[in-house]
Amino acid sequence: MRILVVGAGAVGGYFGGRLQENGADVTFLVREGRKKQLEKTGLVIDSVHGNMALVPKTIVKGDDAQPFDVILLSTKAYHLDGAIDSIREYAGPHTAVLPLLNGISHLEQLQAEFGEDKIIGGLCFIETTLNQDGKVIQTSPKHDLVFGELSGVRSERALKIEAAFKGANIGYRLSDNIKKDLWNKYLFIAVMSGITTLMRSPIGPIREQASGRAAISALLAEIVSVMGHLGASFPKDIIELQKNQINSLDYTMKSSMQRDMEKGMQVEADHLHGYLLEAAYKEQIPVPVLEAVYANLKIYESTVK
């Protein structure tokens, strides 16, 4: 199985590197600058699960290459259009596209571009960053990747992808209900990123305040209501389950979106919260906390150059 990983950054570099370490046939589609850096330093990963240094195969957009069996897509949502344009020539009739983006709306865009049957659902749980030297720094106990057919079927291609992960130094799971997994993660990410960016605070100090806890509960309820109208199916006690998960987080825990804001980087405001807000307006669902979250993010975006 030939695997194309789009980018060799924090997420793609980590999972692609672990696959290559495990003997998989991996190629990284990168920009010219990153290609030169990798040729000089190799793909270096500094991880709590073990360090490694590899010599990766790389291509840049326009390089000649046969279609790949799997394209692993881990770009940020605001780079999705460019990523789609860069992979078109490497996606053949039998190529499976496996995105690891947060949220859900990207699935429709990818299906429209490549066909519904080409897209496999996927998500990951990992904390990584790329340092100034191009080294992938991975610090979280979790380094998990979940994937599965959107239909829930254990297809031949899904089993082949699972076989490629077998033995790799990551956590992986072939899901029989990837849509449920996607909605559950989207709910957690939307609430966690929304509340921490709105309050400009790690989760601990927000939980300490009665008004902070009330804001978390209100945002949870709003998003659960909107997602229900978008087709998500949650257990009746989902709000309590999510509260318990948030309460179990380390006091100093920040969302990745909050960390991006602190670095002056772009954020996925429209992809995550804007998508939900648009649906809320369409269904006439009152979402005052979600509106505040989105307004905060868009005001921040207006300051980013």
Protein backbone atom coordinates (compact mmCIF):
# COMPACT_ATOMS: atom_id res chain seq x y z
CA MET A 1 0.00 0.00 0.00
CA ARG A 2 1.39 3.37 -1.08
CA ILE A 3 0.50 6.20 1.30
CA LEU A 4 0.76 9.92 0.56
CA VAL A 5 0.87 12.16 3.63
CA VAL A 6 -0.02 15.76 2.87
CA GLY A 7 2.54 17.85 4.73
CA ALA A 8 5.23 16.81 7.17
CA GLY A 9 4.16 19.09 9.97
CA ALA A 10 3.14 18.39 13.53
CA VAL A 11 0.37 15.86 12.82
CA GLY A 12 1.22 14.54 9.35
CA GLY A 13 4.90 14.33 10.18
CA TYR A 14 4.18 12.37 13.33
CA PHE A 15 1.73 9.80 12.00
CA GLY A 16 3.48 9.53 8.63
CA GLY A 17 6.80 9.09 10.41
CA ARG A 18 5.42 6.36 12.65
CA LEU A 19 4.02 4.55 9.60
CA GLN A 20 7.37 4.77 7.80
CA GLU A 21 9.14 3.61 10.97
CA ASN A 22 6.84 0.58 10.85
CA GLY A 23 7.87 -0.25 7.28
CA ALA A 24 5.00 1.33 5.34
CA ASP A 25 5.61 2.87 1.91
CA VAL A 26 5.10 6.55 2.80
CA THR A 27 5.67 9.67 0.70
CA PHE A 28 5.25 13.21 2.03
CA LEU A 29 3.77 15.93 -0.17
CA VAL A 30 5.47 19.11 1.04
CA ARG A 31 6.36 22.62 0.01
CA GLU A 32 9.75 23.38 -1.47
CA GLY A 33 11.12 24.93 1.72
CA ARG A 34 10.11 21.97 3.87
CA LYS A 35 11.53 19.58 1.28
CA LYS A 36 14.94 21.25 1.48
CA GLN A 37 14.80 21.20 5.28
CA LEU A 38 13.95 17.48 5.35
CA GLU A 39 16.75 16.73 2.89
CA LYS A 40 19.14 18.45 5.28
CA THR A 41 17.90 17.22 8.66
CA GLY A 42 15.68 14.24 7.93
CA LEU A 43 12.31 13.83 9.61
CA VAL A 44 13.06 14.11 13.32
CA ILE A 45 10.48 13.29 15.97
CA ASP A 46 10.99 14.01 19.65
CA SER A 47 8.23 12.11 21.47
CA VAL A 48 7.28 10.86 24.91
CA HIS A 49 6.68 7.55 23.12
CA GLY A 50 10.20 7.37 21.72
CA ASN A 51 12.34 9.52 19.47
CA MET A 52 13.21 8.74 15.89
CA ALA A 53 14.95 10.18 12.85
CA LEU A 54 14.09 9.06 9.33
CA VAL A 55 15.01 9.86 5.75
CA PRO A 56 11.59 10.53 4.19
CA LYS A 57 10.53 10.31 0.58
CA THR A 58 9.16 13.67 -0.49
CA ILE A 59 7.47 15.26 -3.48
CA VAL A 60 6.26 18.78 -4.17
CA LYS A 61 3.13 19.70 -6.08
CA GLY A 62 3.63 18.97 -9.77
CA ASP A 63 6.22 16.23 -9.30
CA ASP A 64 5.52 13.12 -11.32
CA ALA A 65 4.05 10.27 -9.27
CA GLN A 66 1.49 7.54 -9.78
CA PRO A 67 -1.82 7.75 -7.90
CA PHE A 68 -1.55 6.61 -4.29
CA ASP A 69 -3.69 4.05 -2.50
CA VAL A 70 -4.31 6.31 0.50
CA ILE A 71 -3.93 10.06 0.97
CA LEU A 72 -3.65 11.07 4.62
CA LEU A 73 -4.82 14.66 4.98
CA SER A 74 -4.04 16.48 8.23
CA THR A 75 -4.06 20.13 7.19
CA LYS A 76 -5.86 22.90 9.04
CA ALA A 77 -9.28 23.76 7.63
CA TYR A 78 -8.12 27.15 6.34
CA HIS A 79 -5.55 25.34 4.16
CA LEU A 80 -8.01 22.74 2.86
CA ASP A 81 -8.63 24.39 -0.54
CA GLY A 82 -4.90 24.48 -1.26
CA ALA A 83 -4.47 20.91 -0.08
CA ILE A 84 -7.25 19.70 -2.35
CA ASP A 85 -5.65 21.43 -5.31
CA SER A 86 -2.28 19.85 -4.52
CA ILE A 87 -3.54 16.25 -4.28
CA ARG A 88 -5.84 16.11 -7.31
CA GLU A 89 -3.15 14.72 -9.61
CA TYR A 90 -2.21 12.01 -7.08
CA ALA A 91 -5.76 10.73 -6.51
CA GLY A 92 -6.77 7.95 -8.88
CA PRO A 93 -9.96 5.92 -9.31
CA HIS A 94 -9.10 3.69 -6.36
CA THR A 95 -7.51 6.25 -4.04
CA ALA A 96 -8.96 6.60 -0.54
CA VAL A 97 -8.73 10.04 1.07
CA LEU A 98 -8.46 9.91 4.87
CA PRO A 99 -8.81 13.38 6.48
CA LEU A 100 -7.86 14.00 10.12
CA LEU A 101 -9.34 17.50 10.37
CA ASN A 102 -11.43 18.65 13.30
CA GLY A 103 -15.11 19.31 12.64
CA ILE A 104 -17.38 17.75 10.05
CA SER A 105 -18.04 20.17 7.16
CA HIS A 106 -14.82 19.22 5.33
CA LEU A 107 -16.30 15.81 4.54
CA GLU A 108 -18.90 17.34 2.23
CA GLN A 109 -16.24 19.39 0.45
CA LEU A 110 -13.96 16.40 -0.05
CA GLN A 111 -16.85 14.23 -1.25
CA ALA A 112 -17.83 16.91 -3.76
CA GLU A 113 -14.26 17.07 -5.06
CA PHE A 114 -13.34 13.37 -5.18
CA GLY A 115 -16.63 11.44 -4.92
CA GLU A 116 -18.49 10.13 -1.89
CA ASP A 117 -16.98 6.66 -2.20
CA LYS A 118 -13.40 8.00 -2.00
CA ILE A 119 -13.65 9.54 1.49
CA ILE A 120 -12.97 7.67 4.73
CA GLY A 121 -13.79 9.28 8.07
CA GLY A 122 -10.91 9.95 10.42
CA LEU A 123 -9.79 11.87 13.49
CA CYS A 124 -6.87 11.94 15.88
CA PHE A 125 -6.05 12.73 19.49
CA ILE A 126 -2.55 14.09 19.84
CA GLU A 127 -0.62 17.12 21.07
CA THR A 128 2.23 18.00 18.73
CA THR A 129 4.01 21.04 17.43
CA LEU A 130 6.73 21.81 14.91
CA ASN A 131 9.64 23.72 16.42
CA GLN A 132 11.74 26.33 14.64
CA ASP A 133 14.21 23.69 13.49
CA GLY A 134 11.48 21.63 11.83
CA LYS A 135 11.49 18.93 14.50
CA VAL A 136 8.15 17.33 15.42
CA ILE A 137 7.66 17.64 19.19
CA GLN A 138 5.04 15.25 20.59
CA THR A 139 4.15 15.57 24.27
CA SER A 140 0.81 13.92 24.98
CA PRO A 141 0.13 10.43 26.40
CA LYS A 142 -2.42 10.03 23.61
CA HIS A 143 -1.17 9.63 20.06
CA ASP A 144 -4.27 7.99 18.67
CA LEU A 145 -5.78 7.80 15.20
CA VAL A 146 -9.34 6.60 14.58
CA PHE A 147 -10.73 5.88 11.12
CA GLY A 148 -13.53 4.02 9.40
CA GLU A 149 -15.89 3.93 6.48
CA LEU A 150 -18.64 6.53 6.78
CA SER A 151 -21.10 3.73 6.01
CA GLY A 152 -19.86 1.73 9.00
CA VAL A 153 -18.87 -1.21 6.78
CA ARG A 154 -15.53 -2.95 7.41
CA SER A 155 -14.45 -2.69 3.80
CA GLU A 156 -11.43 -4.33 2.22
CA ARG A 157 -9.63 -1.00 1.95
CA ALA A 158 -10.32 -0.16 5.60
CA LEU A 159 -8.85 -3.49 6.64
CA LYS A 160 -5.79 -2.84 4.47
CA ILE A 161 -5.29 0.53 6.15
CA GLU A 162 -5.64 -1.16 9.53
CA ALA A 163 -2.97 -3.67 8.47
CA ALA A 164 -0.63 -0.78 7.58
CA PHE A 165 -1.02 0.60 11.11
CA LYS A 166 -0.52 -2.79 12.77
CA GLY A 167 2.69 -2.72 14.79
CA ALA A 168 3.18 1.04 14.42
CA ASN A 169 4.06 3.00 17.54
CA ILE A 170 0.70 4.79 17.73
CA GLY A 171 -2.73 4.07 19.08
CA TYR A 172 -5.12 3.26 16.26
CA ARG A 173 -8.66 1.95 15.92
CA LEU A 174 -10.83 0.91 13.00
CA SER A 175 -14.23 2.29 13.97
CA ASP A 176 -17.57 0.74 13.07
CA ASN A 177 -19.29 4.09 13.70
CA ILE A 178 -16.88 6.82 12.69
CA LYS A 179 -19.68 9.37 12.32
CA LYS A 180 -20.45 9.01 16.03
CA ASP A 181 -16.75 9.38 16.84
CA LEU A 182 -16.51 12.49 14.67
CA TRP A 183 -19.51 14.19 16.27
CA ASN A 184 -18.32 13.37 19.79
CA LYS A 185 -14.90 14.86 19.15
CA TYR A 186 -16.40 17.87 17.36
CA LEU A 187 -18.62 18.55 20.38
CA PHE A 188 -15.71 18.41 22.80
CA ILE A 189 -13.40 20.49 20.60
CA ALA A 190 -16.05 23.15 19.89
CA VAL A 191 -16.84 23.60 23.58
CA MET A 192 -13.27 23.40 24.86
CA SER A 193 -11.79 25.70 22.22
CA GLY A 194 -14.75 28.05 22.37
CA ILE A 195 -14.71 28.57 26.13
CA THR A 196 -10.94 28.81 26.58
CA THR A 197 -10.52 31.31 23.74
CA LEU A 198 -13.49 33.36 24.94
CA MET A 199 -12.11 33.53 28.49
CA ARG A 200 -8.43 33.70 27.40
CA SER A 201 -7.73 31.14 30.11
CA PRO A 202 -6.82 27.50 30.72
CA ILE A 203 -9.81 25.39 31.70
CA GLY A 204 -9.02 25.28 35.44
CA PRO A 205 -9.69 28.93 36.35
CA ILE A 206 -12.88 28.87 34.25
CA ARG A 207 -14.18 25.83 36.16
CA GLU A 208 -13.47 27.55 39.49
CA GLN A 209 -15.94 30.34 38.79
CA ALA A 210 -19.67 29.64 39.11
CA SER A 211 -20.28 31.87 36.12
CA GLY A 212 -17.55 30.00 34.21
CA ARG A 213 -19.22 26.66 34.90
CA ALA A 214 -22.54 28.13 33.83
CA ALA A 215 -21.01 29.33 30.56
CA ILE A 216 -19.59 25.87 29.87
CA SER A 217 -22.99 24.27 30.53
CA ALA A 218 -24.81 26.79 28.35
CA LEU A 219 -22.38 26.38 25.45
CA LEU A 220 -22.62 22.60 25.72
CA ALA A 221 -26.40 22.70 25.61
CA GLU A 222 -26.45 25.08 22.65
CA ILE A 223 -24.02 23.03 20.59
CA VAL A 224 -25.72 19.71 21.39
CA SER A 225 -29.03 21.21 20.20
CA VAL A 226 -27.51 22.49 16.94
CA MET A 227 -25.64 19.25 16.24
CA GLY A 228 -28.87 17.31 16.76
CA HIS A 229 -30.43 19.28 13.91
CA LEU A 230 -27.37 18.50 11.79
CA GLY A 231 -27.86 14.76 12.25
CA ALA A 232 -25.70 13.97 15.26
CA SER A 233 -27.01 11.30 17.61
CA PHE A 234 -25.95 11.63 21.25
CA PRO A 235 -26.91 9.71 24.39
CA LYS A 236 -29.41 11.47 26.66
CA ASP A 237 -26.72 12.18 29.26
CA ILE A 238 -24.22 13.62 26.77
CA ILE A 239 -24.04 16.99 28.54
CA GLU A 240 -23.13 15.37 31.87
CA LEU A 241 -20.66 13.08 30.12
CA GLN A 242 -18.97 16.05 28.46
CA LYS A 243 -18.93 18.02 31.72
CA ASN A 244 -17.23 15.09 33.44
CA GLN A 245 -14.64 14.96 30.69
CA ILE A 246 -13.98 18.69 30.95
CA ASN A 247 -13.78 18.46 34.75
CA SER A 248 -11.20 15.68 34.46
CA LEU A 249 -8.83 17.85 32.42
CA ASP A 250 -5.65 19.18 33.99
CA TYR A 251 -6.09 22.61 35.60
CA THR A 252 -3.59 24.17 33.19
CA MET A 253 -5.05 22.58 30.05
CA LYS A 254 -5.42 24.92 27.08
CA SER A 255 -7.11 24.18 23.78
CA SER A 256 -4.95 24.04 20.67
CA MET A 257 -6.96 26.95 19.24
CA GLN A 258 -6.10 29.02 22.30
CA ARG A 259 -2.42 28.19 21.86
CA ASP A 260 -2.66 29.23 18.20
CA MET A 261 -4.17 32.56 19.23
CA GLU A 262 -1.38 33.13 21.73
CA LYS A 263 1.09 32.64 18.87
CA GLY A 264 -0.79 35.06 16.61
CA MET A 265 -1.73 32.28 14.19
CA GLN A 266 -4.88 31.67 12.17
CA VAL A 267 -7.76 29.78 13.77
CA GLU A 268 -10.55 27.59 12.42
CA ALA A 269 -13.38 29.91 13.46
CA ASP A 270 -15.61 29.39 10.43
CA HIS A 271 -14.95 25.67 10.10
CA LEU A 272 -15.76 24.85 13.72
CA HIS A 273 -18.00 27.50 15.28
CA GLY A 274 -19.19 29.40 12.22
CA TYR A 275 -20.58 26.21 10.70
CA LEU A 276 -22.61 25.56 13.86
CA LEU A 277 -23.77 29.16 14.09
CA GLU A 278 -25.00 29.13 10.49
CA ALA A 279 -27.01 25.99 11.24
CA ALA A 280 -28.42 27.57 14.41
CA TYR A 281 -29.63 30.61 12.48
CA LYS A 282 -31.19 28.36 9.84
CA GLU A 283 -33.08 26.37 12.48
CA GLN A 284 -33.81 29.48 14.59
CA ILE A 285 -32.07 28.05 17.65
CA PRO A 286 -31.05 30.66 20.27
CA VAL A 287 -27.28 30.36 20.83
CA PRO A 288 -26.05 33.48 22.69
CA VAL A 289 -22.88 31.90 24.08
CA LEU A 290 -21.94 30.41 20.70
CA GLU A 291 -22.50 33.83 19.15
CA ALA A 292 -20.11 35.36 21.69
CA VAL A 293 -17.52 32.66 20.99
CA TYR A 294 -17.72 33.22 17.25
CA ALA A 295 -17.64 37.01 17.55
CA ASN A 296 -14.54 36.76 19.74
CA LEU A 297 -12.78 34.54 17.20
CA LYS A 298 -13.69 36.74 14.21
CA ILE A 299 -12.51 39.86 16.04
CA TYR A 300 -9.24 38.08 16.73
CA GLU A 301 -8.98 36.99 13.08
CA SER A 302 -9.31 40.61 11.97
CA THR A 303 -6.06 41.38 13.79
CA VAL A 304 -4.06 38.51 12.27
CA LYS A 305 -1.96 39.48 9.29
